[in-house]
């Protein structure tokens, strides 16, 4: 998701472009073109209060009244190629992440909150936590580096480019 101003600019631009084909297009959102939005409204502003995020989201735009909202009710990633226990574990993790995003974990949320992290997600190496993470995610990397599926099943998401450059 992006800031509502980007959607509103796109709306004005499309109306301006498509009015040449039909002047009635000025009355339709996005000049009569169907636009599909998807994403997580909580990701619009990296840091800001709940009010800042709500004010920046598409739901606070003049366009929102003309949107049809569809909700996905089944997470397809949870059911592909796994056994029952793995699916249940992934579902529990997905619910935990969603509860954090919706402010249901950690008590009242005024912009800062303490959340208990699941034990199996913690890095307990105090001296070299990044190398410990790399070894956990990519065990036996030298032996398995020629197996494509080895890398397809693993990833480390880094918040900053400088973290990516760290070598153990």
C-alpha atoms as a PDB file:
ATOM      1  CA  UNK A   1       0.000   0.000   0.000  1.00  0.00           C
ATOM      2  CA  UNK A   2       1.029   3.568  -0.561  1.00  0.00           C
ATOM      3  CA  UNK A   3      -0.134   6.964   0.659  1.00  0.00           C
ATOM      4  CA  UNK A   4      -3.651   7.990  -0.397  1.00  0.00           C
ATOM      5  CA  UNK A   5      -2.242  11.013  -2.231  1.00  0.00           C
ATOM      6  CA  UNK A   6      -0.650   8.692  -4.804  1.00  0.00           C
ATOM      7  CA  UNK A   7      -4.033   7.058  -5.511  1.00  0.00           C
ATOM      8  CA  UNK A   8      -5.744  10.439  -5.717  1.00  0.00           C
ATOM      9  CA  UNK A   9      -3.089  11.690  -8.166  1.00  0.00           C
ATOM     10  CA  UNK A  10      -3.604   8.564 -10.273  1.00  0.00           C
ATOM     11  CA  UNK A  11      -7.365   9.172 -10.198  1.00  0.00           C
ATOM     12  CA  UNK A  12      -6.976  12.757 -11.428  1.00  0.00           C
ATOM     13  CA  UNK A  13      -4.477  11.704 -14.097  1.00  0.00           C
ATOM     14  CA  UNK A  14      -6.685   8.921 -15.483  1.00  0.00           C
ATOM     15  CA  UNK A  15      -9.727  11.197 -15.494  1.00  0.00           C
ATOM     16  CA  UNK A  16      -7.732  13.783 -17.420  1.00  0.00           C
ATOM     17  CA  UNK A  17      -6.442  11.231 -19.946  1.00  0.00           C
ATOM     18  CA  UNK A  18      -9.690   9.350 -20.540  1.00  0.00           C
ATOM     19  CA  UNK A  19     -12.001  12.361 -20.733  1.00  0.00           C
ATOM     20  CA  UNK A  20     -10.772  12.742 -24.335  1.00  0.00           C
ATOM     21  CA  UNK A  21     -12.414   9.426 -25.230  1.00  0.00           C
ATOM     22  CA  UNK A  22     -15.620  10.147 -23.371  1.00  0.00           C
ATOM     23  CA  UNK A  23     -16.409  13.245 -21.245  1.00  0.00           C
ATOM     24  CA  UNK A  24     -18.498  11.051 -18.898  1.00  0.00           C
ATOM     25  CA  UNK A  25     -15.246   9.398 -17.745  1.00  0.00           C
ATOM     26  CA  UNK A  26     -14.716  12.436 -15.514  1.00  0.00           C
ATOM     27  CA  UNK A  27     -17.549  11.174 -13.297  1.00  0.00           C
ATOM     28  CA  UNK A  28     -16.017   7.703 -12.763  1.00  0.00           C
ATOM     29  CA  UNK A  29     -13.132   6.883 -10.427  1.00  0.00           C
ATOM     30  CA  UNK A  30      -9.859   6.482 -12.340  1.00  0.00           C
ATOM     31  CA  UNK A  31     -11.555   7.635 -15.539  1.00  0.00           C
ATOM     32  CA  UNK A  32     -13.653   4.495 -15.697  1.00  0.00           C
ATOM     33  CA  UNK A  33     -10.766   2.026 -15.409  1.00  0.00           C
ATOM     34  CA  UNK A  34     -10.991  -0.801 -12.887  1.00  0.00           C
ATOM     35  CA  UNK A  35      -8.188  -0.703 -10.337  1.00  0.00           C
ATOM     36  CA  UNK A  36      -7.443  -3.522  -7.890  1.00  0.00           C
ATOM     37  CA  UNK A  37      -5.771  -2.547  -4.624  1.00  0.00           C
ATOM     38  CA  UNK A  38      -4.113  -4.987  -2.295  1.00  0.00           C
ATOM     39  CA  UNK A  39      -1.899  -4.732   0.706  1.00  0.00           C
ATOM     40  CA  UNK A  40      -1.658  -3.976   4.361  1.00  0.00           C
ATOM     41  CA  UNK A  41      -2.754  -0.510   5.487  1.00  0.00           C
ATOM     42  CA  UNK A  42      -0.414  -0.775   8.473  1.00  0.00           C
ATOM     43  CA  UNK A  43       2.586  -0.607   6.137  1.00  0.00           C
ATOM     44  CA  UNK A  44       1.877   2.825   4.656  1.00  0.00           C
ATOM     45  CA  UNK A  45       3.960   4.855   7.102  1.00  0.00           C
ATOM     46  CA  UNK A  46       7.060   3.158   8.532  1.00  0.00           C
ATOM     47  CA  UNK A  47       6.768   5.047  11.792  1.00  0.00           C
ATOM     48  CA  UNK A  48       3.838   7.095  12.893  1.00  0.00           C
ATOM     49  CA  UNK A  49       0.906   7.096  15.216  1.00  0.00           C
ATOM     50  CA  UNK A  50      -2.207   5.090  14.485  1.00  0.00           C
ATOM     51  CA  UNK A  51      -3.912   8.366  13.518  1.00  0.00           C
ATOM     52  CA  UNK A  52      -1.128   9.171  11.015  1.00  0.00           C
ATOM     53  CA  UNK A  53      -1.500   5.749   9.409  1.00  0.00           C
ATOM     54  CA  UNK A  54      -5.296   6.000   9.187  1.00  0.00           C
ATOM     55  CA  UNK A  55      -5.110   9.515   7.724  1.00  0.00           C
ATOM     56  CA  UNK A  56      -2.595   8.369   5.086  1.00  0.00           C
ATOM     57  CA  UNK A  57      -4.526   5.260   4.035  1.00  0.00           C
ATOM     58  CA  UNK A  58      -6.844   4.851   1.088  1.00  0.00           C
ATOM     59  CA  UNK A  59      -9.769   4.386   3.476  1.00  0.00           C
ATOM     60  CA  UNK A  60      -9.457   8.095   4.385  1.00  0.00           C
ATOM     61  CA  UNK A  61      -9.601   9.206   0.757  1.00  0.00           C
ATOM     62  CA  UNK A  62     -12.572  10.533  -1.199  1.00  0.00           C
ATOM     63  CA  UNK A  63     -12.098   7.446  -3.395  1.00  0.00           C
ATOM     64  CA  UNK A  64     -12.956   5.003  -0.608  1.00  0.00           C
ATOM     65  CA  UNK A  65     -16.755   5.419  -0.901  1.00  0.00           C
ATOM     66  CA  UNK A  66     -16.512   4.150  -4.480  1.00  0.00           C
ATOM     67  CA  UNK A  67     -14.421   1.060  -3.643  1.00  0.00           C
ATOM     68  CA  UNK A  68     -15.797  -2.449  -3.260  1.00  0.00           C
ATOM     69  CA  UNK A  69     -14.000  -4.290  -0.487  1.00  0.00           C
ATOM     70  CA  UNK A  70     -13.308  -8.002  -0.741  1.00  0.00           C
ATOM     71  CA  UNK A  71     -11.566  -9.850   2.046  1.00  0.00           C
ATOM     72  CA  UNK A  72      -9.420 -12.904   1.578  1.00  0.00           C
ATOM     73  CA  UNK A  73     -10.558 -15.536   4.037  1.00  0.00           C
ATOM     74  CA  UNK A  74      -8.184 -18.384   3.267  1.00  0.00           C
ATOM     75  CA  UNK A  75      -4.403 -18.138   3.344  1.00  0.00           C
ATOM     76  CA  UNK A  76      -3.395 -20.399   0.457  1.00  0.00           C
ATOM     77  CA  UNK A  77       0.262 -20.431   1.500  1.00  0.00           C
ATOM     78  CA  UNK A  78      -0.709 -22.326   4.626  1.00  0.00           C
ATOM     79  CA  UNK A  79      -2.071 -25.347   2.791  1.00  0.00           C
ATOM     80  CA  UNK A  80       0.450 -26.050   0.046  1.00  0.00           C
ATOM     81  CA  UNK A  81       2.744 -29.055   0.353  1.00  0.00           C
ATOM     82  CA  UNK A  82       2.880 -29.487   4.114  1.00  0.00           C
ATOM     83  CA  UNK A  83       1.798 -32.081   6.615  1.00  0.00           C
ATOM     84  CA  UNK A  84      -0.959 -31.374   9.127  1.00  0.00           C
ATOM     85  CA  UNK A  85       1.333 -30.452  12.032  1.00  0.00           C
ATOM     86  CA  UNK A  86       3.371 -28.052   9.869  1.00  0.00           C
ATOM     87  CA  UNK A  87       0.174 -26.427   8.573  1.00  0.00           C
ATOM     88  CA  UNK A  88      -1.131 -25.971  12.129  1.00  0.00           C
ATOM     89  CA  UNK A  89       2.184 -24.500  13.267  1.00  0.00           C
ATOM     90  CA  UNK A  90       2.187 -22.080  10.321  1.00  0.00           C
ATOM     91  CA  UNK A  91      -1.449 -21.125  10.995  1.00  0.00           C
ATOM     92  CA  UNK A  92      -0.627 -20.396  14.644  1.00  0.00           C
ATOM     93  CA  UNK A  93       2.314 -18.228  13.583  1.00  0.00           C
ATOM     94  CA  UNK A  94       0.193 -16.385  10.975  1.00  0.00           C
ATOM     95  CA  UNK A  95      -2.466 -15.681  13.630  1.00  0.00           C
ATOM     96  CA  UNK A  96       0.192 -14.444  16.060  1.00  0.00           C
ATOM     97  CA  UNK A  97       1.618 -12.044  13.438  1.00  0.00           C
ATOM     98  CA  UNK A  98      -1.884 -10.810  12.531  1.00  0.00           C
ATOM     99  CA  UNK A  99      -2.734 -10.268  16.207  1.00  0.00           C
ATOM    100  CA  UNK A 100       0.406  -8.132  16.585  1.00  0.00           C
ATOM    101  CA  UNK A 101      -0.541  -6.057  13.532  1.00  0.00           C
ATOM    102  CA  UNK A 102      -4.070  -5.549  14.830  1.00  0.00           C
ATOM    103  CA  UNK A 103      -2.836  -4.502  18.294  1.00  0.00           C
ATOM    104  CA  UNK A 104      -4.265  -7.559  20.069  1.00  0.00           C
ATOM    105  CA  UNK A 105      -0.928  -8.514  21.671  1.00  0.00           C
ATOM    106  CA  UNK A 106       0.971  -6.746  24.420  1.00  0.00           C
ATOM    107  CA  UNK A 107      -1.773  -4.833  26.193  1.00  0.00           C
ATOM    108  CA  UNK A 108      -2.940  -1.314  25.418  1.00  0.00           C
ATOM    109  CA  UNK A 109      -1.131   0.240  22.481  1.00  0.00           C
ATOM    110  CA  UNK A 110      -0.393   3.962  22.506  1.00  0.00           C
ATOM    111  CA  UNK A 111       2.253   3.714  19.794  1.00  0.00           C
ATOM    112  CA  UNK A 112       4.699   1.642  21.830  1.00  0.00           C
ATOM    113  CA  UNK A 113       4.083  -1.743  23.339  1.00  0.00           C
ATOM    114  CA  UNK A 114       6.110  -4.669  24.662  1.00  0.00           C
ATOM    115  CA  UNK A 115       5.357  -7.953  22.922  1.00  0.00           C
ATOM    116  CA  UNK A 116       6.536 -11.346  24.093  1.00  0.00           C
ATOM    117  CA  UNK A 117       8.420 -13.005  21.236  1.00  0.00           C
ATOM    118  CA  UNK A 118       7.930 -16.718  20.747  1.00  0.00           C
ATOM    119  CA  UNK A 119      10.889 -18.673  22.138  1.00  0.00           C
ATOM    120  CA  UNK A 120      11.706 -20.403  18.845  1.00  0.00           C
ATOM    121  CA  UNK A 121      12.091 -16.994  17.133  1.00  0.00           C
ATOM    122  CA  UNK A 122      14.688 -15.656  19.562  1.00  0.00           C
ATOM    123  CA  UNK A 123      18.389 -15.468  18.785  1.00  0.00           C
ATOM    124  CA  UNK A 124      20.132 -16.288  22.043  1.00  0.00           C
ATOM    125  CA  UNK A 125      23.731 -15.720  20.896  1.00  0.00           C
ATOM    126  CA  UNK A 126      24.723 -12.465  22.600  1.00  0.00           C
ATOM    127  CA  UNK A 127      28.202 -12.281  21.036  1.00  0.00           C
ATOM    128  CA  UNK A 128      27.451 -12.779  17.331  1.00  0.00           C
ATOM    129  CA  UNK A 129      23.672 -12.818  16.747  1.00  0.00           C
ATOM    130  CA  UNK A 130      23.819 -12.196  12.980  1.00  0.00           C
ATOM    131  CA  UNK A 131      26.164 -15.101  12.302  1.00  0.00           C
ATOM    132  CA  UNK A 132      24.001 -17.245  14.559  1.00  0.00           C
ATOM    133  CA  UNK A 133      20.955 -16.307  12.467  1.00  0.00           C
ATOM    134  CA  UNK A 134      22.759 -17.086   9.220  1.00  0.00           C
ATOM    135  CA  UNK A 135      23.859 -20.481  10.535  1.00  0.00           C
ATOM    136  CA  UNK A 136      20.289 -21.227  11.668  1.00  0.00           C
ATOM    137  CA  UNK A 137      18.675 -20.286   8.347  1.00  0.00           C
ATOM    138  CA  UNK A 138      21.430 -21.714   6.121  1.00  0.00           C
ATOM    139  CA  UNK A 139      22.857 -24.761   7.900  1.00  0.00           C
ATOM    140  CA  UNK A 140      25.428 -26.665   5.826  1.00  0.00           C
ATOM    141  CA  UNK A 141      25.408 -23.963   3.155  1.00  0.00           C
ATOM    142  CA  UNK A 142      28.677 -25.125   1.594  1.00  0.00           C
ATOM    143  CA  UNK A 143      27.431 -28.693   1.167  1.00  0.00           C
ATOM    144  CA  UNK A 144      23.926 -27.732  -0.057  1.00  0.00           C
ATOM    145  CA  UNK A 145      24.699 -24.646  -2.177  1.00  0.00           C
ATOM    146  CA  UNK A 146      24.273 -26.565  -5.446  1.00  0.00           C
ATOM    147  CA  UNK A 147      20.715 -27.646  -4.569  1.00  0.00           C
ATOM    148  CA  UNK A 148      18.247 -25.004  -5.923  1.00  0.00           C
ATOM    149  CA  UNK A 149      15.473 -25.972  -3.497  1.00  0.00           C
ATOM    150  CA  UNK A 150      17.813 -25.285  -0.574  1.00  0.00           C
ATOM    151  CA  UNK A 151      17.699 -21.542  -1.323  1.00  0.00           C
ATOM    152  CA  UNK A 152      14.055 -21.527  -2.429  1.00  0.00           C
ATOM    153  CA  UNK A 153      12.970 -22.578   1.069  1.00  0.00           C
ATOM    154  CA  UNK A 154      15.053 -20.017   2.971  1.00  0.00           C
ATOM    155  CA  UNK A 155      15.342 -16.260   3.299  1.00  0.00           C
ATOM    156  CA  UNK A 156      16.566 -13.648   5.714  1.00  0.00           C
ATOM    157  CA  UNK A 157      14.778 -10.320   5.458  1.00  0.00           C
ATOM    158  CA  UNK A 158      17.013  -7.397   6.363  1.00  0.00           C
ATOM    159  CA  UNK A 159      15.660  -3.946   7.228  1.00  0.00           C
ATOM    160  CA  UNK A 160      18.743  -2.085   5.953  1.00  0.00           C
ATOM    161  CA  UNK A 161      21.272  -2.630   3.161  1.00  0.00           C
ATOM    162  CA  UNK A 162      24.176  -2.271   5.586  1.00  0.00           C
ATOM    163  CA  UNK A 163      22.971  -5.383   7.425  1.00  0.00           C
ATOM    164  CA  UNK A 164      23.036  -7.381   4.183  1.00  0.00           C
ATOM    165  CA  UNK A 165      26.756  -6.665   3.766  1.00  0.00           C
ATOM    166  CA  UNK A 166      27.775  -8.307   7.064  1.00  0.00           C
ATOM    167  CA  UNK A 167      29.978 -11.366   6.494  1.00  0.00           C
ATOM    168  CA  UNK A 168      30.598 -13.993   9.129  1.00  0.00           C
END
